[in-house]
Amino acid sequence: MFEPVQLRSFLAVAETLSFTKAAERLGLAQPTVSQHVRKLETAAKRVLVARDTRDVRLTDNGDAMAGFARSILAAHDSASRYFSGSAMRGRLRFGTADDLAITGLPRILREFRQLYPQINLELTVSQSDQLYKRLNAGQLDLVFVKWVAGAKEGTVVRHDSFAWVGLEQTALEPGAPVPLIAYPAPSLSRKLAIDALEAAGRTWRITCSTKQISGVLAAVRAGIGFAVMPASLVPEDLKVITRRFELPPVGDVDFTLIRNPLANAEVIDALTQAIMGRTLNKQA
């Protein structure tokens, strides 16, 4: 009922919200992409994409079709590789910083496994510094970590800035130590937060030390203190409070993929492309 070529064009539009960018991604002419989407809408008997002179957005039916399209294309591609004898095989030991798991990464990994069912994906979730050590020890093949902005190593997926985060009603008396919720040392966000406070002449105290992003968020939501996290990952129920309490800027951060040069390059390239090609919107 639904042609794969039409589904691919539709997904490119859905992910870029632009017919021009979708055409560039697919290497097609823009009228061809538009024609594919129109034919898909005719086959579905639904309007999938709302467009005007200013923007492009998916309708509710378009959102539903995007999910179906990914599943259909994953099954189609898996069958094609299986029967052509070209299905990618291998083992991939992947590590990710735990707060990056509140982005769209789990969805990307789920779709990757559907697309490459014969790749044995092993997942490790930890702090960035621990993942980097395991990568250098040959225990991981690819890691997705928070890295110092501008570092030369690795492939940058997203550039971001650290922000101070807390509850809107949290109070801090003038001159009082800044209550800090942080990961145990060593931790990039912890180190940068403390360095920034001390450089600004602000006193601080650790009010919660936790190894997981769920613990960080729970402590912030309980009003125990303030945390430092990438601005793009701040949940909607929490607030960026940097200016409110005149807290010092902490600095920038890159979400970075770093690979083991001795691992299976073909398998690593496949997951790298899957992550680079999708939007990492926060999920919590």
C-alpha atoms as a PDB file:
ATOM      1  CA  MET A   1       0.000   0.000   0.000  1.00  0.00           C
ATOM      2  CA  PHE A   2       2.804   2.429   0.867  1.00  0.00           C
ATOM      3  CA  GLU A   3       5.833   2.685  -1.423  1.00  0.00           C
ATOM      4  CA  PRO A   4       9.230   2.740   0.360  1.00  0.00           C
ATOM      5  CA  VAL A   5      10.512   5.595  -1.812  1.00  0.00           C
ATOM      6  CA  GLN A   6       7.508   7.694  -0.815  1.00  0.00           C
ATOM      7  CA  LEU A   7       7.949   6.807   2.848  1.00  0.00           C
ATOM      8  CA  ARG A   8      11.628   7.815   2.735  1.00  0.00           C
ATOM      9  CA  SER A   9      10.782  11.197   1.237  1.00  0.00           C
ATOM     10  CA  PHE A  10       8.026  11.726   3.797  1.00  0.00           C
ATOM     11  CA  LEU A  11      10.332  10.846   6.703  1.00  0.00           C
ATOM     12  CA  ALA A  12      12.983  13.245   5.431  1.00  0.00           C
ATOM     13  CA  VAL A  13      10.363  16.011   5.403  1.00  0.00           C
ATOM     14  CA  ALA A  14       9.095  14.951   8.839  1.00  0.00           C
ATOM     15  CA  GLU A  15      12.577  15.097  10.358  1.00  0.00           C
ATOM     16  CA  THR A  16      13.729  18.343   8.708  1.00  0.00           C
ATOM     17  CA  LEU A  17      10.330  20.110   8.465  1.00  0.00           C
ATOM     18  CA  SER A  18      11.522  21.383   5.114  1.00  0.00           C
ATOM     19  CA  PHE A  19      10.983  20.107   1.590  1.00  0.00           C
ATOM     20  CA  THR A  20      14.210  21.807   0.507  1.00  0.00           C
ATOM     21  CA  LYS A  21      16.325  20.203   3.220  1.00  0.00           C
ATOM     22  CA  ALA A  22      14.633  16.850   2.655  1.00  0.00           C
ATOM     23  CA  ALA A  23      15.502  17.011  -1.036  1.00  0.00           C
ATOM     24  CA  GLU A  24      19.120  17.875  -0.218  1.00  0.00           C
ATOM     25  CA  ARG A  25      19.344  14.979   2.244  1.00  0.00           C
ATOM     26  CA  LEU A  26      17.965  12.497  -0.287  1.00  0.00           C
ATOM     27  CA  GLY A  27      19.775  13.895  -3.315  1.00  0.00           C
ATOM     28  CA  LEU A  28      16.479  14.501  -5.114  1.00  0.00           C
ATOM     29  CA  ALA A  29      14.801  17.494  -6.722  1.00  0.00           C
ATOM     30  CA  GLN A  30      12.353  19.305  -4.428  1.00  0.00           C
ATOM     31  CA  PRO A  31       9.380  18.728  -6.803  1.00  0.00           C
ATOM     32  CA  THR A  32      10.111  15.001  -6.667  1.00  0.00           C
ATOM     33  CA  VAL A  33       9.955  14.994  -2.875  1.00  0.00           C
ATOM     34  CA  SER A  34       6.693  16.974  -2.972  1.00  0.00           C
ATOM     35  CA  GLN A  35       5.264  14.488  -5.462  1.00  0.00           C
ATOM     36  CA  HIS A  36       6.231  11.538  -3.255  1.00  0.00           C
ATOM     37  CA  VAL A  37       4.494  13.111  -0.256  1.00  0.00           C
ATOM     38  CA  ARG A  38       1.350  13.884  -2.273  1.00  0.00           C
ATOM     39  CA  LYS A  39       1.176  10.290  -3.546  1.00  0.00           C
ATOM     40  CA  LEU A  40       1.593   8.986   0.004  1.00  0.00           C
ATOM     41  CA  GLU A  41      -1.215  11.244   1.200  1.00  0.00           C
ATOM     42  CA  THR A  42      -3.393   9.935  -1.631  1.00  0.00           C
ATOM     43  CA  ALA A  43      -2.623   6.326  -0.675  1.00  0.00           C
ATOM     44  CA  ALA A  44      -3.341   7.059   3.013  1.00  0.00           C
ATOM     45  CA  LYS A  45      -6.405   9.163   2.202  1.00  0.00           C
ATOM     46  CA  ARG A  46      -5.194  11.624   4.822  1.00  0.00           C
ATOM     47  CA  VAL A  47      -3.391  14.975   4.918  1.00  0.00           C
ATOM     48  CA  LEU A  48      -0.001  14.228   6.452  1.00  0.00           C
ATOM     49  CA  VAL A  49       1.872  17.522   6.040  1.00  0.00           C
ATOM     50  CA  ALA A  50       0.454  21.002   6.604  1.00  0.00           C
ATOM     51  CA  ARG A  51       2.337  23.600   4.615  1.00  0.00           C
ATOM     52  CA  ASP A  52       2.046  27.298   4.014  1.00  0.00           C
ATOM     53  CA  THR A  53       4.375  30.076   2.893  1.00  0.00           C
ATOM     54  CA  ARG A  54       6.057  30.235   6.305  1.00  0.00           C
ATOM     55  CA  ASP A  55       6.523  26.749   7.672  1.00  0.00           C
ATOM     56  CA  VAL A  56       5.968  23.007   7.344  1.00  0.00           C
ATOM     57  CA  ARG A  57       4.512  20.839  10.101  1.00  0.00           C
ATOM     58  CA  LEU A  58       3.065  17.364  10.502  1.00  0.00           C
ATOM     59  CA  THR A  59      -0.625  16.844  11.126  1.00  0.00           C
ATOM     60  CA  ASP A  60      -1.760  14.334  13.743  1.00  0.00           C
ATOM     61  CA  ASN A  61      -2.079  11.785  10.935  1.00  0.00           C
ATOM     62  CA  GLY A  62       1.426  12.750   9.815  1.00  0.00           C
ATOM     63  CA  ASP A  63       2.819  12.023  13.281  1.00  0.00           C
ATOM     64  CA  ALA A  64       1.167   8.603  13.167  1.00  0.00           C
ATOM     65  CA  MET A  65       2.466   7.911   9.660  1.00  0.00           C
ATOM     66  CA  ALA A  66       6.026   8.812  10.723  1.00  0.00           C
ATOM     67  CA  GLY A  67       5.974   6.023  13.294  1.00  0.00           C
ATOM     68  CA  PHE A  68       4.534   3.530  10.823  1.00  0.00           C
ATOM     69  CA  ALA A  69       7.006   4.622   8.142  1.00  0.00           C
ATOM     70  CA  ARG A  70      10.026   3.941  10.322  1.00  0.00           C
ATOM     71  CA  SER A  71       8.743   0.462  11.187  1.00  0.00           C
ATOM     72  CA  ILE A  72       7.863  -0.329   7.566  1.00  0.00           C
ATOM     73  CA  LEU A  73      11.218   0.859   6.232  1.00  0.00           C
ATOM     74  CA  ALA A  74      13.137  -0.959   8.968  1.00  0.00           C
ATOM     75  CA  ALA A  75      11.394  -4.222   8.068  1.00  0.00           C
ATOM     76  CA  HIS A  76      11.834  -3.570   4.344  1.00  0.00           C
ATOM     77  CA  ASP A  77      15.560  -2.851   4.685  1.00  0.00           C
ATOM     78  CA  SER A  78      16.147  -5.824   6.995  1.00  0.00           C
ATOM     79  CA  ALA A  79      14.421  -8.158   4.529  1.00  0.00           C
ATOM     80  CA  SER A  80      16.407  -6.748   1.613  1.00  0.00           C
ATOM     81  CA  ARG A  81      19.731  -7.223   3.390  1.00  0.00           C
ATOM     82  CA  TYR A  82      18.780 -10.692   4.623  1.00  0.00           C
ATOM     83  CA  PHE A  83      17.834 -12.041   1.218  1.00  0.00           C
ATOM     84  CA  SER A  84      20.729 -10.309  -0.536  1.00  0.00           C
ATOM     85  CA  GLY A  85      23.188 -11.765   1.965  1.00  0.00           C
ATOM     86  CA  SER A  86      24.417  -8.284   2.911  1.00  0.00           C
ATOM     87  CA  ALA A  87      22.895  -7.977   6.382  1.00  0.00           C
ATOM     88  CA  MET A  88      25.359  -6.234   8.683  1.00  0.00           C
ATOM     89  CA  ARG A  89      26.564  -8.446  11.508  1.00  0.00           C
ATOM     90  CA  GLY A  90      28.813  -7.935  14.475  1.00  0.00           C
ATOM     91  CA  ARG A  91      29.063  -6.844  18.062  1.00  0.00           C
ATOM     92  CA  LEU A  92      28.796  -3.233  19.185  1.00  0.00           C
ATOM     93  CA  ARG A  93      29.634  -2.272  22.760  1.00  0.00           C
ATOM     94  CA  PHE A  94      28.058   1.172  23.111  1.00  0.00           C
ATOM     95  CA  GLY A  95      28.316   3.430  26.140  1.00  0.00           C
ATOM     96  CA  THR A  96      26.307   6.574  26.855  1.00  0.00           C
ATOM     97  CA  ALA A  97      26.304   9.195  29.585  1.00  0.00           C
ATOM     98  CA  ASP A  98      23.208   8.577  31.661  1.00  0.00           C
ATOM     99  CA  ASP A  99      21.681  12.049  31.246  1.00  0.00           C
ATOM    100  CA  LEU A 100      21.819  11.653  27.467  1.00  0.00           C
ATOM    101  CA  ALA A 101      19.369   8.791  27.969  1.00  0.00           C
ATOM    102  CA  ILE A 102      16.628  11.379  28.656  1.00  0.00           C
ATOM    103  CA  THR A 103      16.961  12.570  25.056  1.00  0.00           C
ATOM    104  CA  GLY A 104      15.570  10.738  22.045  1.00  0.00           C
ATOM    105  CA  LEU A 105      18.521   8.319  22.201  1.00  0.00           C
ATOM    106  CA  PRO A 106      16.469   5.294  23.418  1.00  0.00           C
ATOM    107  CA  ARG A 107      14.154   5.702  20.431  1.00  0.00           C
ATOM    108  CA  ILE A 108      17.151   5.896  18.082  1.00  0.00           C
ATOM    109  CA  LEU A 109      18.652   2.730  19.572  1.00  0.00           C
ATOM    110  CA  ARG A 110      15.323   0.903  19.264  1.00  0.00           C
ATOM    111  CA  GLU A 111      15.058   1.809  15.600  1.00  0.00           C
ATOM    112  CA  PHE A 112      18.725   0.891  15.053  1.00  0.00           C
ATOM    113  CA  ARG A 113      18.093  -2.593  16.446  1.00  0.00           C
ATOM    114  CA  GLN A 114      15.087  -2.988  14.161  1.00  0.00           C
ATOM    115  CA  LEU A 115      17.160  -1.899  11.191  1.00  0.00           C
ATOM    116  CA  TYR A 116      20.174  -4.089  12.059  1.00  0.00           C
ATOM    117  CA  PRO A 117      18.785  -7.114  13.949  1.00  0.00           C
ATOM    118  CA  GLN A 118      21.961  -9.140  13.435  1.00  0.00           C
ATOM    119  CA  ILE A 119      24.156  -6.609  15.244  1.00  0.00           C
ATOM    120  CA  ASN A 120      24.595  -7.578  18.883  1.00  0.00           C
ATOM    121  CA  LEU A 121      24.192  -4.213  20.649  1.00  0.00           C
ATOM    122  CA  GLU A 122      25.509  -4.094  24.231  1.00  0.00           C
ATOM    123  CA  LEU A 123      24.658  -0.924  26.169  1.00  0.00           C
ATOM    124  CA  THR A 124      26.553   0.591  29.098  1.00  0.00           C
ATOM    125  CA  VAL A 125      25.180   3.656  30.915  1.00  0.00           C
ATOM    126  CA  SER A 126      27.564   5.559  33.174  1.00  0.00           C
ATOM    127  CA  GLN A 127      29.305   8.894  33.696  1.00  0.00           C
ATOM    128  CA  SER A 128      31.271  10.341  30.799  1.00  0.00           C
ATOM    129  CA  ASP A 129      34.705  10.040  32.408  1.00  0.00           C
ATOM    130  CA  GLN A 130      34.137   6.382  33.297  1.00  0.00           C
ATOM    131  CA  LEU A 131      32.966   5.600  29.773  1.00  0.00           C
ATOM    132  CA  TYR A 132      36.043   7.289  28.306  1.00  0.00           C
ATOM    133  CA  LYS A 133      38.329   5.203  30.517  1.00  0.00           C
ATOM    134  CA  ARG A 134      36.582   2.005  29.425  1.00  0.00           C
ATOM    135  CA  LEU A 135      36.865   3.052  25.792  1.00  0.00           C
ATOM    136  CA  ASN A 136      40.626   3.569  26.148  1.00  0.00           C
ATOM    137  CA  ALA A 137      40.892   0.209  27.912  1.00  0.00           C
ATOM    138  CA  GLY A 138      39.308  -1.483  24.898  1.00  0.00           C
ATOM    139  CA  GLN A 139      36.139  -2.416  26.801  1.00  0.00           C
ATOM    140  CA  LEU A 140      33.808  -0.279  24.644  1.00  0.00           C
ATOM    141  CA  ASP A 141      33.613   0.370  20.906  1.00  0.00           C
ATOM    142  CA  LEU A 142      31.744   3.688  20.834  1.00  0.00           C
ATOM    143  CA  VAL A 143      30.769   6.156  23.560  1.00  0.00           C
ATOM    144  CA  PHE A 144      28.345   9.090  23.588  1.00  0.00           C
ATOM    145  CA  VAL A 145      29.561  11.516  26.233  1.00  0.00           C
ATOM    146  CA  LYS A 146      29.449  15.092  27.450  1.00  0.00           C
ATOM    147  CA  TRP A 147      32.804  16.554  26.536  1.00  0.00           C
ATOM    148  CA  VAL A 148      34.604  19.859  27.014  1.00  0.00           C
ATOM    149  CA  ALA A 149      33.447  22.179  24.249  1.00  0.00           C
ATOM    150  CA  GLY A 150      35.982  22.514  21.465  1.00  0.00           C
ATOM    151  CA  ALA A 151      37.856  19.295  22.200  1.00  0.00           C
ATOM    152  CA  LYS A 152      39.422  17.919  19.037  1.00  0.00           C
ATOM    153  CA  GLU A 153      38.619  14.288  19.731  1.00  0.00           C
ATOM    154  CA  GLY A 154      35.406  12.702  18.525  1.00  0.00           C
ATOM    155  CA  THR A 155      32.393  13.701  16.448  1.00  0.00           C
ATOM    156  CA  VAL A 156      30.217  16.496  17.874  1.00  0.00           C
ATOM    157  CA  VAL A 157      26.507  15.673  17.700  1.00  0.00           C
ATOM    158  CA  ARG A 158      25.306  18.830  19.466  1.00  0.00           C
ATOM    159  CA  HIS A 159      26.895  21.920  20.993  1.00  0.00           C
ATOM    160  CA  ASP A 160      25.248  23.160  24.191  1.00  0.00           C
ATOM    161  CA  SER A 161      25.804  25.330  27.251  1.00  0.00           C
ATOM    162  CA  PHE A 162      25.613  24.336  30.903  1.00  0.00           C
ATOM    163  CA  ALA A 163      22.884  26.036  32.934  1.00  0.00           C
ATOM    164  CA  TRP A 164      21.991  26.261  36.612  1.00  0.00           C
ATOM    165  CA  VAL A 165      18.684  24.518  37.217  1.00  0.00           C
ATOM    166  CA  GLY A 166      16.244  24.606  40.141  1.00  0.00           C
ATOM    167  CA  LEU A 167      12.636  24.943  41.206  1.00  0.00           C
ATOM    168  CA  GLU A 168      10.971  28.277  40.497  1.00  0.00           C
ATOM    169  CA  GLN A 169      10.064  28.729  44.181  1.00  0.00           C
ATOM    170  CA  THR A 170      13.501  27.817  45.563  1.00  0.00           C
ATOM    171  CA  ALA A 171      15.005  30.627  47.636  1.00  0.00           C
ATOM    172  CA  LEU A 172      18.636  31.479  48.381  1.00  0.00           C
ATOM    173  CA  GLU A 173      19.567  34.022  51.039  1.00  0.00           C
ATOM    174  CA  PRO A 174      22.187  36.625  50.013  1.00  0.00           C
ATOM    175  CA  GLY A 175      25.661  35.396  50.938  1.00  0.00           C
ATOM    176  CA  ALA A 176      24.478  31.855  51.714  1.00  0.00           C
ATOM    177  CA  PRO A 177      26.444  28.929  50.275  1.00  0.00           C
ATOM    178  CA  VAL A 178      25.052  27.687  46.974  1.00  0.00           C
ATOM    179  CA  PRO A 179      23.401  24.270  47.587  1.00  0.00           C
ATOM    180  CA  LEU A 180      24.856  22.026  44.894  1.00  0.00           C
ATOM    181  CA  ILE A 181      23.390  18.781  43.559  1.00  0.00           C
ATOM    182  CA  ALA A 182      26.106  16.949  41.665  1.00  0.00           C
ATOM    183  CA  TYR A 183      27.532  13.706  40.414  1.00  0.00           C
ATOM    184  CA  PRO A 184      30.433  12.254  42.425  1.00  0.00           C
ATOM    185  CA  ALA A 185      33.936  13.384  41.464  1.00  0.00           C
ATOM    186  CA  PRO A 186      35.334  13.186  38.896  1.00  0.00           C
ATOM    187  CA  SER A 187      32.513  14.719  36.888  1.00  0.00           C
ATOM    188  CA  LEU A 188      32.709  17.400  34.209  1.00  0.00           C
ATOM    189  CA  SER A 189      29.593  19.289  35.324  1.00  0.00           C
ATOM    190  CA  ARG A 190      30.605  19.075  39.002  1.00  0.00           C
ATOM    191  CA  LYS A 191      34.141  20.344  38.328  1.00  0.00           C
ATOM    192  CA  LEU A 192      33.028  23.197  36.076  1.00  0.00           C
ATOM    193  CA  ALA A 193      30.305  24.251  38.538  1.00  0.00           C
ATOM    194  CA  ILE A 194      32.683  24.343  41.514  1.00  0.00           C
ATOM    195  CA  ASP A 195      35.428  26.082  39.520  1.00  0.00           C
ATOM    196  CA  ALA A 196      32.943  28.738  38.356  1.00  0.00           C
ATOM    197  CA  LEU A 197      31.613  29.360  41.882  1.00  0.00           C
ATOM    198  CA  GLU A 198      35.072  29.636  43.418  1.00  0.00           C
ATOM    199  CA  ALA A 199      36.301  31.920  40.620  1.00  0.00           C
ATOM    200  CA  ALA A 200      33.313  34.171  41.357  1.00  0.00           C
ATOM    201  CA  GLY A 201      34.034  34.146  45.107  1.00  0.00           C
ATOM    202  CA  ARG A 202      30.834  32.215  45.910  1.00  0.00           C
ATOM    203  CA  THR A 203      30.755  29.609  48.662  1.00  0.00           C
ATOM    204  CA  TRP A 204      29.047  26.278  48.059  1.00  0.00           C
ATOM    205  CA  ARG A 205      28.072  23.016  49.719  1.00  0.00           C
ATOM    206  CA  ILE A 206      27.100  19.628  48.311  1.00  0.00           C
ATOM    207  CA  THR A 207      23.505  18.886  49.365  1.00  0.00           C
ATOM    208  CA  CYS A 208      23.097  15.761  47.222  1.00  0.00           C
ATOM    209  CA  SER A 209      25.583  13.464  45.511  1.00  0.00           C
ATOM    210  CA  THR A 210      24.110  10.949  43.088  1.00  0.00           C
ATOM    211  CA  LYS A 211      25.359   8.781  40.227  1.00  0.00           C
ATOM    212  CA  GLN A 212      22.193   8.953  38.119  1.00  0.00           C
ATOM    213  CA  ILE A 213      20.275  11.692  36.319  1.00  0.00           C
ATOM    214  CA  SER A 214      17.090  10.397  37.962  1.00  0.00           C
ATOM    215  CA  GLY A 215      18.652  11.197  41.349  1.00  0.00           C
ATOM    216  CA  VAL A 216      19.735  14.658  40.187  1.00  0.00           C
ATOM    217  CA  LEU A 217      16.253  15.502  38.940  1.00  0.00           C
ATOM    218  CA  ALA A 218      14.564  14.080  42.035  1.00  0.00           C
ATOM    219  CA  ALA A 219      16.765  16.191  44.314  1.00  0.00           C
ATOM    220  CA  VAL A 220      16.139  19.352  42.293  1.00  0.00           C
ATOM    221  CA  ARG A 221      12.386  18.702  42.264  1.00  0.00           C
ATOM    222  CA  ALA A 222      12.520  18.232  46.044  1.00  0.00           C
ATOM    223  CA  GLY A 223      14.038  21.703  46.384  1.00  0.00           C
ATOM    224  CA  ILE A 224      17.256  20.362  47.942  1.00  0.00           C
ATOM    225  CA  GLY A 225      19.473  22.545  45.811  1.00  0.00           C
ATOM    226  CA  PHE A 226      20.619  23.522  42.335  1.00  0.00           C
ATOM    227  CA  ALA A 227      22.136  21.358  39.613  1.00  0.00           C
ATOM    228  CA  VAL A 228      24.195  22.116  36.544  1.00  0.00           C
ATOM    229  CA  MET A 229      23.095  20.420  33.332  1.00  0.00           C
ATOM    230  CA  PRO A 230      23.038  21.087  29.581  1.00  0.00           C
ATOM    231  CA  ALA A 231      20.383  23.699  28.824  1.00  0.00           C
ATOM    232  CA  SER A 232      18.752  21.552  26.135  1.00  0.00           C
ATOM    233  CA  LEU A 233      18.096  18.769  28.674  1.00  0.00           C
ATOM    234  CA  VAL A 234      16.278  20.875  31.294  1.00  0.00           C
ATOM    235  CA  PRO A 235      12.814  19.336  31.887  1.00  0.00           C
ATOM    236  CA  GLU A 236       9.803  21.612  31.445  1.00  0.00           C
ATOM    237  CA  ASP A 237       8.890  21.550  35.150  1.00  0.00           C
ATOM    238  CA  LEU A 238      12.278  22.994  36.166  1.00  0.00           C
ATOM    239  CA  LYS A 239      13.735  26.449  35.560  1.00  0.00           C
ATOM    240  CA  VAL A 240      17.057  27.878  34.469  1.00  0.00           C
ATOM    241  CA  ILE A 241      17.986  30.087  37.427  1.00  0.00           C
ATOM    242  CA  THR A 242      21.427  31.375  36.393  1.00  0.00           C
ATOM    243  CA  ARG A 243      20.417  35.063  36.261  1.00  0.00           C
ATOM    244  CA  ARG A 244      17.947  34.916  39.130  1.00  0.00           C
ATOM    245  CA  PHE A 245      20.646  34.236  41.762  1.00  0.00           C
ATOM    246  CA  GLU A 246      23.506  35.822  39.795  1.00  0.00           C
ATOM    247  CA  LEU A 247      25.185  32.461  39.511  1.00  0.00           C
ATOM    248  CA  PRO A 248      28.349  32.441  37.389  1.00  0.00           C
ATOM    249  CA  PRO A 249      28.290  30.978  33.867  1.00  0.00           C
ATOM    250  CA  VAL A 250      29.627  27.437  33.849  1.00  0.00           C
ATOM    251  CA  GLY A 251      30.679  27.061  30.234  1.00  0.00           C
ATOM    252  CA  ASP A 252      29.863  25.119  27.121  1.00  0.00           C
ATOM    253  CA  VAL A 253      29.627  21.398  26.462  1.00  0.00           C
ATOM    254  CA  ASP A 254      29.614  19.163  23.409  1.00  0.00           C
ATOM    255  CA  PHE A 255      27.615  15.936  23.101  1.00  0.00           C
ATOM    256  CA  THR A 256      30.313  13.864  21.456  1.00  0.00           C
ATOM    257  CA  LEU A 257      30.690  10.427  19.898  1.00  0.00           C
ATOM    258  CA  ILE A 258      34.143   8.907  20.413  1.00  0.00           C
ATOM    259  CA  ARG A 259      35.101   5.606  18.799  1.00  0.00           C
ATOM    260  CA  ASN A 260      37.585   2.849  19.485  1.00  0.00           C
ATOM    261  CA  PRO A 261      39.840   2.815  16.387  1.00  0.00           C
ATOM    262  CA  LEU A 262      40.352  -0.941  16.752  1.00  0.00           C
ATOM    263  CA  ALA A 263      36.637  -1.795  16.690  1.00  0.00           C
ATOM    264  CA  ASN A 264      34.423  -2.751  13.724  1.00  0.00           C
ATOM    265  CA  ALA A 265      34.340   0.500  11.723  1.00  0.00           C
ATOM    266  CA  GLU A 266      31.335  -0.508   9.582  1.00  0.00           C
ATOM    267  CA  VAL A 267      29.143  -1.195  12.612  1.00  0.00           C
ATOM    268  CA  ILE A 268      30.297   1.963  14.406  1.00  0.00           C
ATOM    269  CA  ASP A 269      29.629   4.058  11.297  1.00  0.00           C
ATOM    270  CA  ALA A 270      26.067   2.691  11.119  1.00  0.00           C
ATOM    271  CA  LEU A 271      25.199   3.761  14.679  1.00  0.00           C
ATOM    272  CA  THR A 272      27.038   7.069  14.314  1.00  0.00           C
ATOM    273  CA  GLN A 273      24.971   7.913  11.235  1.00  0.00           C
ATOM    274  CA  ALA A 274      21.759   6.890  13.027  1.00  0.00           C
ATOM    275  CA  ILE A 275      22.502   9.275  15.911  1.00  0.00           C
ATOM    276  CA  MET A 276      23.779  12.125  13.738  1.00  0.00           C
ATOM    277  CA  GLY A 277      20.736  11.941  11.492  1.00  0.00           C
ATOM    278  CA  ARG A 278      18.100  12.308  14.215  1.00  0.00           C
ATOM    279  CA  THR A 279      16.982  15.074  16.562  1.00  0.00           C
ATOM    280  CA  LEU A 280      17.924  14.533  20.225  1.00  0.00           C
ATOM    281  CA  ASN A 281      14.944  16.218  21.835  1.00  0.00           C
ATOM    282  CA  LYS A 282      14.681  15.821  25.596  1.00  0.00           C
ATOM    283  CA  GLN A 283      12.155  13.243  26.782  1.00  0.00           C
ATOM    284  CA  ALA A 284      11.857  14.091  30.470  1.00  0.00           C
END
